[in-house]
Amino acid sequence: MRTQLFALFTAIAWGVGGYFEKKGLLMGNLPPQVGITIRTAVALIVLAAASAPQWRTMLEAGPKPLLYIALGGGVLAGSVGMLCFYVALKGGSLAQVMPIAFTSPIFGVLMGVLIGGSTLQPRQLIGMALTVGGIALVSSV
């Protein structure tokens, strides 16, 4: 139950946060790159403080896991993904952008299947197809 509760809090934070991010971009007529830089700078300060007691675990982890996080989370998700999200957010409606942007778990699952050795049950495939169909309905104009 705790896991699902944190997942729900994640969805709430990202959904509500997206609203304020779009509002800030439009109110200030800010380029998406500036918006994501502000977001990242604030997040860096908050997360650095929250994670400070665990920093020593980086030494124990070794370089390969840190490289995976830096490239996957920092470059791909944190930079490329967020820049694309901010461009979409500034130019499109929340009703279109948010559902499409948050299909990301589907791509994570596919990566797990294609290169991570995960398997999918038919029920999961049906759920993914229904999710994509629902998103297509919700985000169409």
C-alpha atoms as a PDB file:
ATOM      1  CA  MET A   1       0.000   0.000   0.000  1.00  0.00           C
ATOM      2  CA  ARG A   2       2.853   2.395   0.798  1.00  0.00           C
ATOM      3  CA  THR A   3       4.261   1.966  -2.712  1.00  0.00           C
ATOM      4  CA  GLN A   4       0.941   2.785  -4.348  1.00  0.00           C
ATOM      5  CA  LEU A   5       0.494   5.796  -2.089  1.00  0.00           C
ATOM      6  CA  PHE A   6       3.864   7.202  -3.143  1.00  0.00           C
ATOM      7  CA  ALA A   7       2.985   6.520  -6.789  1.00  0.00           C
ATOM      8  CA  LEU A   8      -0.247   8.465  -6.294  1.00  0.00           C
ATOM      9  CA  PHE A   9       1.635  11.348  -4.650  1.00  0.00           C
ATOM     10  CA  THR A  10       3.990  11.295  -7.641  1.00  0.00           C
ATOM     11  CA  ALA A  11       1.085  11.616 -10.051  1.00  0.00           C
ATOM     12  CA  ILE A  12      -0.440  14.451  -8.017  1.00  0.00           C
ATOM     13  CA  ALA A  13       2.863  16.334  -7.755  1.00  0.00           C
ATOM     14  CA  TRP A  14       3.627  15.957 -11.464  1.00  0.00           C
ATOM     15  CA  GLY A  15       0.098  16.841 -12.555  1.00  0.00           C
ATOM     16  CA  VAL A  16      -0.284  19.878 -10.308  1.00  0.00           C
ATOM     17  CA  GLY A  17       3.326  20.890 -10.928  1.00  0.00           C
ATOM     18  CA  GLY A  18       2.767  20.750 -14.688  1.00  0.00           C
ATOM     19  CA  TYR A  19      -0.089  23.204 -14.338  1.00  0.00           C
ATOM     20  CA  PHE A  20       2.091  25.723 -12.512  1.00  0.00           C
ATOM     21  CA  GLU A  21       5.009  25.160 -14.884  1.00  0.00           C
ATOM     22  CA  LYS A  22       2.823  25.958 -17.887  1.00  0.00           C
ATOM     23  CA  LYS A  23       1.324  28.968 -16.132  1.00  0.00           C
ATOM     24  CA  GLY A  24       4.792  30.311 -15.292  1.00  0.00           C
ATOM     25  CA  LEU A  25       6.071  29.813 -18.829  1.00  0.00           C
ATOM     26  CA  LEU A  26       3.116  31.664 -20.309  1.00  0.00           C
ATOM     27  CA  MET A  27       2.916  34.435 -17.697  1.00  0.00           C
ATOM     28  CA  GLY A  28       6.591  35.265 -18.052  1.00  0.00           C
ATOM     29  CA  ASN A  29       6.773  34.496 -21.769  1.00  0.00           C
ATOM     30  CA  LEU A  30       9.780  32.354 -20.878  1.00  0.00           C
ATOM     31  CA  PRO A  31      11.504  30.007 -23.287  1.00  0.00           C
ATOM     32  CA  PRO A  32      11.182  26.332 -22.328  1.00  0.00           C
ATOM     33  CA  GLN A  33      14.936  26.109 -21.707  1.00  0.00           C
ATOM     34  CA  VAL A  34      14.715  28.777 -19.006  1.00  0.00           C
ATOM     35  CA  GLY A  35      11.748  27.053 -17.388  1.00  0.00           C
ATOM     36  CA  ILE A  36      13.494  23.701 -17.180  1.00  0.00           C
ATOM     37  CA  THR A  37      16.649  25.350 -15.848  1.00  0.00           C
ATOM     38  CA  ILE A  38      14.703  27.023 -13.039  1.00  0.00           C
ATOM     39  CA  ARG A  39      12.919  23.752 -12.259  1.00  0.00           C
ATOM     40  CA  THR A  40      16.168  21.795 -12.232  1.00  0.00           C
ATOM     41  CA  ALA A  41      18.037  24.327 -10.092  1.00  0.00           C
ATOM     42  CA  VAL A  42      15.326  24.305  -7.441  1.00  0.00           C
ATOM     43  CA  ALA A  43      15.073  20.509  -7.553  1.00  0.00           C
ATOM     44  CA  LEU A  44      18.862  20.218  -7.215  1.00  0.00           C
ATOM     45  CA  ILE A  45      18.860  22.263  -4.023  1.00  0.00           C
ATOM     46  CA  VAL A  46      15.946  20.357  -2.484  1.00  0.00           C
ATOM     47  CA  LEU A  47      17.247  16.934  -3.506  1.00  0.00           C
ATOM     48  CA  ALA A  48      20.826  17.672  -2.446  1.00  0.00           C
ATOM     49  CA  ALA A  49      19.593  18.504   1.034  1.00  0.00           C
ATOM     50  CA  ALA A  50      17.297  15.476   1.186  1.00  0.00           C
ATOM     51  CA  SER A  51      19.962  13.044  -0.024  1.00  0.00           C
ATOM     52  CA  ALA A  52      22.981  14.407   1.869  1.00  0.00           C
ATOM     53  CA  PRO A  53      22.932  11.670   4.532  1.00  0.00           C
ATOM     54  CA  GLN A  54      23.179   8.993   1.808  1.00  0.00           C
ATOM     55  CA  TRP A  55      25.926  10.513  -0.352  1.00  0.00           C
ATOM     56  CA  ARG A  56      28.491   8.004   0.882  1.00  0.00           C
ATOM     57  CA  THR A  57      26.570   5.220  -0.878  1.00  0.00           C
ATOM     58  CA  MET A  58      27.818   6.591  -4.209  1.00  0.00           C
ATOM     59  CA  LEU A  59      31.333   5.462  -3.333  1.00  0.00           C
ATOM     60  CA  GLU A  60      30.075   1.969  -2.575  1.00  0.00           C
ATOM     61  CA  ALA A  61      28.034   1.755  -5.786  1.00  0.00           C
ATOM     62  CA  GLY A  62      30.948   2.041  -8.188  1.00  0.00           C
ATOM     63  CA  PRO A  63      31.078   3.905 -11.502  1.00  0.00           C
ATOM     64  CA  LYS A  64      28.787   1.801 -13.730  1.00  0.00           C
ATOM     65  CA  PRO A  65      25.519   2.356 -11.811  1.00  0.00           C
ATOM     66  CA  LEU A  66      26.313   6.059 -11.502  1.00  0.00           C
ATOM     67  CA  LEU A  67      26.940   6.263 -15.256  1.00  0.00           C
ATOM     68  CA  TYR A  68      23.596   4.568 -15.961  1.00  0.00           C
ATOM     69  CA  ILE A  69      21.830   7.105 -13.743  1.00  0.00           C
ATOM     70  CA  ALA A  70      23.758  10.049 -15.204  1.00  0.00           C
ATOM     71  CA  LEU A  71      23.096   9.084 -18.817  1.00  0.00           C
ATOM     72  CA  GLY A  72      19.576   7.693 -18.434  1.00  0.00           C
ATOM     73  CA  GLY A  73      18.267  10.074 -15.817  1.00  0.00           C
ATOM     74  CA  GLY A  74      20.445  13.119 -16.312  1.00  0.00           C
ATOM     75  CA  VAL A  75      20.935  13.295 -20.057  1.00  0.00           C
ATOM     76  CA  LEU A  76      18.009  11.395 -21.565  1.00  0.00           C
ATOM     77  CA  ALA A  77      15.144  11.847 -19.078  1.00  0.00           C
ATOM     78  CA  GLY A  78      16.309  14.935 -17.208  1.00  0.00           C
ATOM     79  CA  SER A  79      17.589  16.968 -20.145  1.00  0.00           C
ATOM     80  CA  VAL A  80      16.196  15.724 -23.458  1.00  0.00           C
ATOM     81  CA  GLY A  81      12.871  14.554 -22.038  1.00  0.00           C
ATOM     82  CA  MET A  82      12.293  17.617 -19.908  1.00  0.00           C
ATOM     83  CA  LEU A  83      13.243  20.034 -22.684  1.00  0.00           C
ATOM     84  CA  CYS A  84      10.778  18.298 -25.001  1.00  0.00           C
ATOM     85  CA  PHE A  85       8.153  18.362 -22.249  1.00  0.00           C
ATOM     86  CA  TYR A  86       8.590  22.086 -21.694  1.00  0.00           C
ATOM     87  CA  VAL A  87       8.380  22.858 -25.416  1.00  0.00           C
ATOM     88  CA  ALA A  88       5.175  20.814 -25.621  1.00  0.00           C
ATOM     89  CA  LEU A  89       3.857  22.353 -22.403  1.00  0.00           C
ATOM     90  CA  LYS A  90       4.376  25.892 -23.603  1.00  0.00           C
ATOM     91  CA  GLY A  91       2.857  25.251 -27.024  1.00  0.00           C
ATOM     92  CA  GLY A  92       0.010  22.872 -26.278  1.00  0.00           C
ATOM     93  CA  SER A  93      -2.876  22.489 -23.918  1.00  0.00           C
ATOM     94  CA  LEU A  94      -2.458  20.563 -20.687  1.00  0.00           C
ATOM     95  CA  ALA A  95      -5.242  18.240 -21.834  1.00  0.00           C
ATOM     96  CA  GLN A  96      -3.129  17.197 -24.811  1.00  0.00           C
ATOM     97  CA  VAL A  97       0.392  17.318 -23.415  1.00  0.00           C
ATOM     98  CA  MET A  98       0.016  15.655 -20.021  1.00  0.00           C
ATOM     99  CA  PRO A  99      -1.641  12.393 -21.120  1.00  0.00           C
ATOM    100  CA  ILE A 100       0.824  11.878 -23.957  1.00  0.00           C
ATOM    101  CA  ALA A 101       3.874  12.823 -21.898  1.00  0.00           C
ATOM    102  CA  PHE A 102       2.917  10.414 -19.168  1.00  0.00           C
ATOM    103  CA  THR A 103       2.866   7.376 -21.406  1.00  0.00           C
ATOM    104  CA  SER A 104       6.491   7.078 -20.309  1.00  0.00           C
ATOM    105  CA  PRO A 105       5.901   3.934 -18.215  1.00  0.00           C
ATOM    106  CA  ILE A 106       4.989   2.082 -21.401  1.00  0.00           C
ATOM    107  CA  PHE A 107       8.410   2.858 -22.853  1.00  0.00           C
ATOM    108  CA  GLY A 108      10.081   1.784 -19.626  1.00  0.00           C
ATOM    109  CA  VAL A 109       8.220  -1.519 -19.738  1.00  0.00           C
ATOM    110  CA  LEU A 110       9.213  -2.019 -23.373  1.00  0.00           C
ATOM    111  CA  MET A 111      12.871  -1.384 -22.514  1.00  0.00           C
ATOM    112  CA  GLY A 112      12.589  -3.944 -19.742  1.00  0.00           C
ATOM    113  CA  VAL A 113      11.187  -6.492 -22.176  1.00  0.00           C
ATOM    114  CA  LEU A 114      13.515  -5.735 -25.091  1.00  0.00           C
ATOM    115  CA  ILE A 115      16.823  -5.482 -23.250  1.00  0.00           C
ATOM    116  CA  GLY A 116      16.164  -6.194 -19.590  1.00  0.00           C
ATOM    117  CA  GLY A 117      14.784  -9.705 -19.819  1.00  0.00           C
ATOM    118  CA  SER A 118      11.352  -8.885 -18.388  1.00  0.00           C
ATOM    119  CA  THR A 119       8.295 -10.713 -19.630  1.00  0.00           C
ATOM    120  CA  LEU A 120       4.751  -9.484 -20.100  1.00  0.00           C
ATOM    121  CA  GLN A 121       1.569 -11.378 -19.461  1.00  0.00           C
ATOM    122  CA  PRO A 122      -1.337 -11.029 -21.911  1.00  0.00           C
ATOM    123  CA  ARG A 123      -3.234  -9.065 -19.265  1.00  0.00           C
ATOM    124  CA  GLN A 124      -0.424  -6.506 -19.113  1.00  0.00           C
ATOM    125  CA  LEU A 125      -0.356  -6.168 -22.908  1.00  0.00           C
ATOM    126  CA  ILE A 126      -4.100  -5.569 -22.938  1.00  0.00           C
ATOM    127  CA  GLY A 127      -3.709  -2.969 -20.196  1.00  0.00           C
ATOM    128  CA  MET A 128      -1.013  -1.172 -22.161  1.00  0.00           C
ATOM    129  CA  ALA A 129      -3.172  -1.177 -25.297  1.00  0.00           C
ATOM    130  CA  LEU A 130      -6.136   0.194 -23.337  1.00  0.00           C
ATOM    131  CA  THR A 131      -3.904   2.867 -21.835  1.00  0.00           C
ATOM    132  CA  VAL A 132      -2.699   3.999 -25.248  1.00  0.00           C
ATOM    133  CA  GLY A 133      -6.264   3.957 -26.568  1.00  0.00           C
ATOM    134  CA  GLY A 134      -7.505   5.984 -23.619  1.00  0.00           C
ATOM    135  CA  ILE A 135      -4.733   8.510 -24.020  1.00  0.00           C
ATOM    136  CA  ALA A 136      -5.541   8.845 -27.716  1.00  0.00           C
ATOM    137  CA  LEU A 137      -9.165   9.593 -26.805  1.00  0.00           C
ATOM    138  CA  VAL A 138      -8.325  12.027 -24.020  1.00  0.00           C
ATOM    139  CA  SER A 139      -5.682  13.989 -25.895  1.00  0.00           C
ATOM    140  CA  SER A 140      -7.357  14.237 -29.301  1.00  0.00           C
ATOM    141  CA  VAL A 141      -8.633  17.596 -30.435  1.00  0.00           C
END
